[in-house]
Amino acid sequence: MRARVIYNPTSGREVLKKNLVDILQILEAEGYETSAYATTPEPNSARNEAERAAIDGFELIVAAGGDGTINEVVNGIAGLENRPKMAIIPAGTTNDYARALHIPRNDVVAAARVITKKQTVKMDIGKANDTYFINIAGGGYLTELTYDVPSQLKSVFGYLAYLVKGAEMLPRIKPIPMKIEYDEGVFEGKASMFLLGLTNSVGGFEQIAPDAHLDDGYFSLIVVKTANVVELLHLIALMLNGGKHIDHPKVLYTKTKMVKAQPLDDSKMMINLDGEYGGDAPMTFTNLIQHIEMFGDVDAIPNDAVTAEDEAFEDAEEAFIKEVEGLTDEDINGDGIISKPESEEKN
């Protein structure tokens, strides 16, 4: 058997490069003839290598890096008839996919050892027109903050970077007129976001789609039908309190195998695929059931990788909510949208 490790040498402060020998030894001990490929800044570096290795007959491809690296590797093999098994070694910012598979997120060697358990899950994969995604797809102002977070800030501060940028974006949040077609119906109206989830973890939040399954062939569709800051704050609190936001009247939450999304007027609606810009709507999304077999900790052993970073994330959440609660009526116009002085908008 042969395994190809496709790793991002810059992920996680170069932690993969420093531990590569140990990772290769673990795979070799499992009977894999193992080799490694370091991605380059060129577009589709990981994707092209994954496709080449799959066509060459490698039985296992290990994607080592952040969610972006994993997404590229999936895009390299998802369109092939004969797809190798996949494993992931997370070394990025949020590592949503690792959370879903119960893979250690702060110890790349421990993550590699998950392969030795020989436990796999046949994971659903999303397809957006001709592009594949592994975790989320979405559109609307609330999904656009990931584009604006510099990669260096992501690496250093992780989740905190997203919350800080989210606070900066509050003055820009406004609804977009959109049409969302899904299995059981159609939503037409104004919404600040629609989101399709394949797992229960999005941007480090594990309760956005609380009842998501990894292999049932369904997306979790969420449409947030408000841009009112007070209501958004309430939804955030409900989400953090056990995923109770899905029962709120301003939230459409359902399961679906297909979604078609488009803006209703001349508004531009950028589509977010796994945290990166994936093109503009209109776009059609389909769920490919149990499409790629992934190694994971199926026993869901408690994750030893939960460290002080998670405590800092909780503190940042509280600070973020307090900041929004501190807004006055003068800060919010009649539609519940935050306003800022023109001089501040230009800075």
Protein backbone atom coordinates (compact mmCIF):
# COMPACT_ATOMS: atom_id res chain seq x y z
CA MET A 1 0.00 0.00 0.00
CA ARG A 2 1.13 3.54 -0.73
CA ALA A 3 0.31 6.78 1.09
CA ARG A 4 0.97 10.34 -0.06
CA VAL A 5 1.14 13.10 2.54
CA ILE A 6 0.22 16.45 1.00
CA TYR A 7 1.17 19.11 3.53
CA ASN A 8 1.20 22.87 3.75
CA PRO A 9 4.69 23.78 5.03
CA THR A 10 3.50 27.16 6.35
CA SER A 11 0.47 25.92 8.34
CA GLY A 12 0.48 26.24 12.10
CA ARG A 13 3.81 28.07 12.33
CA GLU A 14 5.49 25.33 10.26
CA VAL A 15 4.54 22.66 12.81
CA LEU A 16 4.00 20.09 10.06
CA LYS A 17 7.47 20.54 8.64
CA LYS A 18 8.98 20.08 12.10
CA ASN A 19 7.07 16.84 12.74
CA LEU A 20 7.05 15.35 9.26
CA VAL A 21 9.51 12.55 10.02
CA ASP A 22 7.38 11.32 12.95
CA ILE A 23 4.24 11.43 10.79
CA LEU A 24 5.90 9.41 8.04
CA GLN A 25 7.15 6.83 10.54
CA ILE A 26 3.63 6.30 11.90
CA LEU A 27 2.32 5.62 8.40
CA GLU A 28 5.24 3.34 7.54
CA ALA A 29 4.59 1.33 10.70
CA GLU A 30 1.01 0.83 9.48
CA GLY A 31 2.29 -0.80 6.29
CA TYR A 32 2.15 2.19 3.94
CA GLU A 33 5.03 3.00 1.62
CA THR A 34 4.88 6.71 2.37
CA SER A 35 6.06 9.85 0.59
CA ALA A 36 5.39 13.55 1.07
CA TYR A 37 4.62 16.58 -1.06
CA ALA A 38 4.96 20.17 0.16
CA THR A 39 2.39 22.50 -1.36
CA THR A 40 3.53 25.67 -3.12
CA PRO A 41 1.94 29.13 -3.43
CA GLU A 42 0.85 28.29 -6.97
CA PRO A 43 -2.94 27.97 -7.42
CA ASN A 44 -4.36 24.45 -6.95
CA SER A 45 -1.03 23.00 -5.80
CA ALA A 46 -2.62 20.55 -3.34
CA ARG A 47 -5.52 19.81 -5.68
CA ASN A 48 -3.30 18.92 -8.63
CA GLU A 49 -1.05 16.67 -6.54
CA ALA A 50 -4.03 14.88 -4.98
CA GLU A 51 -5.49 14.16 -8.42
CA ARG A 52 -2.11 12.94 -9.71
CA ALA A 53 -1.57 10.63 -6.71
CA ALA A 54 -5.10 9.22 -6.95
CA ILE A 55 -4.76 8.47 -10.65
CA ASP A 56 -1.36 6.88 -9.93
CA GLY A 57 -3.07 4.42 -7.60
CA PHE A 58 -2.16 5.62 -4.10
CA GLU A 59 -4.47 3.93 -1.60
CA LEU A 60 -4.32 6.76 0.97
CA ILE A 61 -3.93 10.51 0.68
CA VAL A 62 -3.24 12.46 3.85
CA ALA A 63 -4.17 16.14 3.75
CA ALA A 64 -2.06 17.99 6.31
CA GLY A 65 -2.81 21.66 6.90
CA GLY A 66 -5.81 23.88 7.39
CA ASP A 67 -9.36 23.44 6.11
CA GLY A 68 -8.27 25.08 2.85
CA THR A 69 -5.67 22.38 2.19
CA ILE A 70 -8.23 19.67 2.97
CA ASN A 71 -10.72 21.31 0.61
CA GLU A 72 -8.15 21.35 -2.20
CA VAL A 73 -7.28 17.69 -1.73
CA VAL A 74 -10.97 16.75 -1.79
CA ASN A 75 -11.41 18.75 -4.99
CA GLY A 76 -8.54 16.79 -6.49
CA ILE A 77 -10.14 13.38 -5.94
CA ALA A 78 -13.91 13.94 -5.62
CA GLY A 79 -14.51 13.95 -9.36
CA LEU A 80 -12.69 10.65 -9.95
CA GLU A 81 -14.40 7.30 -10.28
CA ASN A 82 -11.77 5.51 -8.17
CA ARG A 83 -11.11 7.57 -5.05
CA PRO A 84 -8.48 6.70 -2.42
CA LYS A 85 -9.16 6.86 1.30
CA MET A 86 -8.34 10.15 3.00
CA ALA A 87 -6.90 11.15 6.35
CA ILE A 88 -6.39 14.63 7.73
CA ILE A 89 -3.79 16.16 10.01
CA PRO A 90 -5.07 19.58 11.09
CA ALA A 91 -2.71 22.52 11.45
CA GLY A 92 -4.90 25.47 10.56
CA THR A 93 -7.06 28.01 12.38
CA THR A 94 -10.47 26.55 13.12
CA ASN A 95 -9.99 22.97 11.88
CA ASP A 96 -13.73 22.38 11.60
CA TYR A 97 -13.33 19.08 9.79
CA ALA A 98 -11.02 17.73 12.48
CA ARG A 99 -13.59 18.69 15.12
CA ALA A 100 -16.26 16.73 13.28
CA LEU A 101 -14.06 13.62 13.05
CA HIS A 102 -12.78 13.93 16.64
CA ILE A 103 -9.18 14.32 15.49
CA PRO A 104 -6.72 16.11 17.83
CA ARG A 105 -6.32 19.69 16.65
CA ASN A 106 -3.22 20.87 18.49
CA ASP A 107 -0.96 17.83 18.12
CA VAL A 108 -0.16 16.77 14.56
CA VAL A 109 1.57 13.57 15.63
CA ALA A 110 -1.45 12.52 17.71
CA ALA A 111 -3.64 13.32 14.71
CA ALA A 112 -1.55 10.98 12.54
CA ARG A 113 -1.96 8.22 15.12
CA VAL A 114 -5.73 8.28 14.55
CA ILE A 115 -4.97 6.37 11.33
CA THR A 116 -3.64 3.49 13.41
CA LYS A 117 -7.16 2.92 14.84
CA LYS A 118 -8.26 1.87 11.35
CA GLN A 119 -11.66 3.52 11.80
CA THR A 120 -13.24 5.32 8.86
CA VAL A 121 -16.41 7.21 7.97
CA LYS A 122 -17.83 7.51 4.46
CA MET A 123 -18.35 11.27 4.47
CA ASP A 124 -20.89 13.31 2.54
CA ILE A 125 -19.37 15.91 0.22
CA GLY A 126 -21.06 19.01 -1.18
CA LYS A 127 -20.92 20.11 -4.80
CA ALA A 128 -21.46 23.76 -5.75
CA ASN A 129 -21.88 23.90 -9.53
CA ASP A 130 -18.56 22.27 -10.49
CA THR A 131 -16.66 22.83 -7.21
CA TYR A 132 -16.64 20.55 -4.18
CA PHE A 133 -16.77 21.54 -0.51
CA ILE A 134 -16.42 19.53 2.68
CA ASN A 135 -17.98 21.57 5.45
CA ILE A 136 -19.97 24.70 4.64
CA ALA A 137 -21.36 26.77 1.83
CA GLY A 138 -23.15 30.04 2.31
CA GLY A 139 -23.96 33.50 1.13
CA GLY A 140 -24.82 36.89 2.63
CA TYR A 141 -22.97 39.46 4.68
CA LEU A 142 -22.51 37.21 7.71
CA THR A 143 -20.54 34.69 5.64
CA GLU A 144 -18.11 37.22 4.19
CA LEU A 145 -15.97 37.98 7.23
CA THR A 146 -13.60 35.08 6.48
CA TYR A 147 -12.44 36.82 3.29
CA ASP A 148 -11.24 39.82 5.28
CA VAL A 149 -9.25 38.06 7.99
CA PRO A 150 -5.54 38.18 7.01
CA SER A 151 -3.89 34.76 6.95
CA GLN A 152 -1.19 35.90 9.40
CA LEU A 153 -3.87 37.01 11.87
CA LYS A 154 -5.62 33.65 11.50
CA SER A 155 -2.41 31.78 12.29
CA VAL A 156 -1.58 33.78 15.38
CA PHE A 157 -4.98 34.35 16.96
CA GLY A 158 -7.17 31.59 15.55
CA TYR A 159 -10.81 31.95 16.55
CA LEU A 160 -10.17 35.35 18.11
CA ALA A 161 -9.36 36.78 14.69
CA TYR A 162 -12.81 35.86 13.41
CA LEU A 163 -14.58 37.40 16.40
CA VAL A 164 -12.57 40.61 16.14
CA LYS A 165 -13.30 40.89 12.44
CA GLY A 166 -16.95 40.03 13.12
CA ALA A 167 -17.19 42.99 15.49
CA GLU A 168 -15.71 45.27 12.83
CA MET A 169 -18.28 44.05 10.31
CA LEU A 170 -21.34 44.84 12.44
CA PRO A 171 -21.86 48.28 10.83
CA ARG A 172 -22.06 46.63 7.38
CA ILE A 173 -24.56 43.89 8.17
CA LYS A 174 -27.70 44.28 6.10
CA PRO A 175 -30.16 41.87 4.51
CA ILE A 176 -29.97 40.73 0.90
CA PRO A 177 -33.14 39.88 -1.07
CA MET A 178 -32.63 36.23 -2.00
CA LYS A 179 -34.42 33.17 -3.29
CA ILE A 180 -33.48 29.81 -1.74
CA GLU A 181 -35.03 26.70 -3.28
CA TYR A 182 -34.72 23.45 -1.33
CA ASP A 183 -36.30 19.99 -1.25
CA GLU A 184 -39.42 20.93 0.69
CA GLY A 185 -40.03 24.48 -0.41
CA VAL A 186 -38.80 27.94 -1.36
CA PHE A 187 -37.72 30.95 0.71
CA GLU A 188 -38.07 34.35 -0.95
CA GLY A 189 -37.27 37.44 1.05
CA LYS A 190 -34.56 39.39 2.82
CA ALA A 191 -31.93 37.50 4.81
CA SER A 192 -28.51 38.34 6.19
CA MET A 193 -27.21 34.82 5.54
CA PHE A 194 -27.95 31.37 4.24
CA LEU A 195 -25.73 28.49 5.26
CA LEU A 196 -25.41 24.87 4.19
CA GLY A 197 -23.65 22.64 6.71
CA LEU A 198 -22.24 19.15 6.23
CA THR A 199 -20.96 18.88 9.81
CA ASN A 200 -21.92 20.52 13.10
CA SER A 201 -18.82 22.73 13.28
CA VAL A 202 -18.60 26.04 11.43
CA GLY A 203 -15.88 28.58 12.20
CA GLY A 204 -15.21 26.90 15.53
CA PHE A 205 -18.86 27.05 16.61
CA GLU A 206 -20.11 23.52 17.22
CA GLN A 207 -23.82 24.28 17.66
CA ILE A 208 -24.70 26.02 14.41
CA ALA A 209 -26.15 22.78 13.00
CA PRO A 210 -26.61 20.80 16.23
CA ASP A 211 -28.17 17.69 14.70
CA ALA A 212 -25.96 17.39 11.62
CA HIS A 213 -24.93 13.91 10.47
CA LEU A 214 -21.76 13.21 8.51
CA ASP A 215 -23.12 10.55 6.18
CA ASP A 216 -26.91 10.84 5.78
CA GLY A 217 -26.95 12.62 2.42
CA TYR A 218 -28.53 15.82 3.76
CA PHE A 219 -27.35 19.38 4.20
CA SER A 220 -28.42 21.38 7.24
CA LEU A 221 -29.90 24.53 5.69
CA ILE A 222 -30.05 27.69 7.79
CA VAL A 223 -31.50 30.98 6.59
CA VAL A 224 -31.18 33.96 8.97
CA LYS A 225 -34.14 36.19 8.11
CA THR A 226 -32.96 39.32 9.91
CA ALA A 227 -30.14 41.85 10.05
CA ASN A 228 -31.43 43.45 13.23
CA VAL A 229 -28.53 43.60 15.64
CA VAL A 230 -30.67 42.88 18.70
CA GLU A 231 -32.17 39.82 17.04
CA LEU A 232 -28.76 38.65 15.82
CA LEU A 233 -27.42 38.96 19.34
CA HIS A 234 -30.31 36.89 20.62
CA LEU A 235 -29.64 34.24 17.96
CA ILE A 236 -25.95 34.10 18.95
CA ALA A 237 -26.91 33.57 22.59
CA LEU A 238 -29.37 30.81 21.65
CA MET A 239 -26.75 29.12 19.46
CA LEU A 240 -24.17 29.13 22.25
CA ASN A 241 -26.81 27.77 24.62
CA GLY A 242 -27.19 24.34 23.05
CA GLY A 243 -28.12 25.23 19.47
CA LYS A 244 -31.57 26.57 20.38
CA HIS A 245 -31.42 29.17 17.59
CA ILE A 246 -32.89 26.68 15.12
CA ASP A 247 -36.33 27.11 16.73
CA HIS A 248 -36.33 30.92 16.44
CA PRO A 249 -39.03 32.40 14.13
CA LYS A 250 -36.35 34.45 12.33
CA VAL A 251 -34.46 31.28 11.37
CA LEU A 252 -35.37 28.79 8.67
CA TYR A 253 -33.78 25.45 9.57
CA THR A 254 -34.35 22.30 7.56
CA LYS A 255 -32.68 19.26 6.00
CA THR A 256 -32.28 19.08 2.25
CA LYS A 257 -30.32 17.25 -0.44
CA MET A 258 -30.34 20.15 -2.90
CA VAL A 259 -30.36 23.95 -2.80
CA LYS A 260 -30.53 26.60 -5.49
CA ALA A 261 -29.57 30.12 -4.34
CA GLN A 262 -29.82 33.44 -6.14
CA PRO A 263 -30.25 37.13 -5.32
CA LEU A 264 -33.66 38.59 -6.14
CA ASP A 265 -32.41 41.92 -7.46
CA ASP A 266 -29.13 43.41 -8.66
CA SER A 267 -27.45 42.63 -5.34
CA LYS A 268 -24.20 40.72 -5.58
CA MET A 269 -24.19 37.59 -3.44
CA MET A 270 -20.77 36.07 -3.02
CA ILE A 271 -20.67 32.38 -2.15
CA ASN A 272 -18.46 31.12 0.65
CA LEU A 273 -17.15 27.55 0.23
CA ASP A 274 -15.27 26.21 3.25
CA GLY A 275 -14.28 29.72 4.30
CA GLU A 276 -13.04 30.91 0.91
CA TYR A 277 -14.63 32.82 -1.95
CA GLY A 278 -16.25 30.30 -4.31
CA GLY A 279 -17.90 32.51 -6.94
CA ASP A 280 -21.17 34.44 -7.12
CA ALA A 281 -24.79 33.28 -7.05
CA PRO A 282 -26.83 31.94 -8.74
CA MET A 283 -25.46 28.58 -7.69
CA THR A 284 -26.80 25.04 -7.27
CA PHE A 285 -25.67 22.83 -4.39
CA THR A 286 -26.02 19.05 -4.27
CA ASN A 287 -25.10 16.55 -1.56
CA LEU A 288 -22.96 13.58 -2.65
CA ILE A 289 -23.78 10.95 -0.05
CA GLN A 290 -20.90 8.97 1.50
CA HIS A 291 -18.61 10.09 -1.30
CA ILE A 292 -15.16 9.94 0.34
CA GLU A 293 -13.98 7.50 3.02
CA MET A 294 -12.16 9.40 5.78
CA PHE A 295 -10.16 8.18 8.76
CA GLY A 296 -11.52 9.47 12.07
CA ASP A 297 -11.90 8.63 15.72
CA VAL A 298 -15.26 6.92 15.41
CA ASP A 299 -15.23 6.03 19.10
CA ALA A 300 -15.31 9.79 19.82
CA ILE A 301 -12.71 9.56 22.57
CA PRO A 302 -12.54 12.87 24.53
CA ASN A 303 -10.27 15.20 22.67
CA ASP A 304 -7.02 15.91 24.51
CA ALA A 305 -6.36 18.78 22.12
CA VAL A 306 -8.84 21.07 23.93
CA THR A 307 -6.47 23.63 25.41
CA ALA A 308 -6.42 27.17 26.71
CA GLU A 309 -7.19 28.34 23.19
CA ASP A 310 -10.77 27.20 23.69
CA GLU A 311 -10.97 29.07 27.01
CA ALA A 312 -9.75 32.20 25.24
CA PHE A 313 -12.41 31.65 22.60
CA GLU A 314 -15.11 31.52 25.29
CA ASP A 315 -13.80 34.74 26.83
CA ALA A 316 -13.84 36.41 23.40
CA GLU A 317 -17.43 35.27 22.84
CA GLU A 318 -18.51 36.90 26.09
CA ALA A 319 -16.67 40.11 25.23
CA PHE A 320 -18.20 40.13 21.76
CA ILE A 321 -21.74 39.76 23.13
CA LYS A 322 -21.16 42.48 25.73
CA GLU A 323 -19.93 44.84 23.01
CA VAL A 324 -23.10 44.33 20.99
CA GLU A 325 -25.27 44.64 24.09
CA GLY A 326 -23.61 47.99 24.74
CA LEU A 327 -25.02 49.50 21.57
CA THR A 328 -27.51 52.31 22.14
CA ASP A 329 -30.66 53.25 20.23
CA GLU A 330 -28.65 56.04 18.58
CA ASP A 331 -26.33 53.43 17.10
CA ILE A 332 -29.21 51.54 15.47
CA ASN A 333 -31.59 52.89 12.84
CA GLY A 334 -35.24 51.99 12.50
CA ASP A 335 -34.47 48.77 10.63
CA GLY A 336 -32.21 47.51 13.40
CA ILE A 337 -29.05 48.13 11.36
CA ILE A 338 -26.01 49.70 12.98
CA SER A 339 -25.11 53.15 11.71
CA LYS A 340 -21.76 54.92 11.86
CA PRO A 341 -20.73 58.50 11.19
CA GLU A 342 -19.53 59.03 7.60
CA SER A 343 -16.06 60.00 8.82
CA GLU A 344 -15.76 56.66 10.61
CA GLU A 345 -17.08 54.73 7.58
CA LYS A 346 -14.26 56.15 5.43
CA ASN A 347 -11.49 55.18 7.85
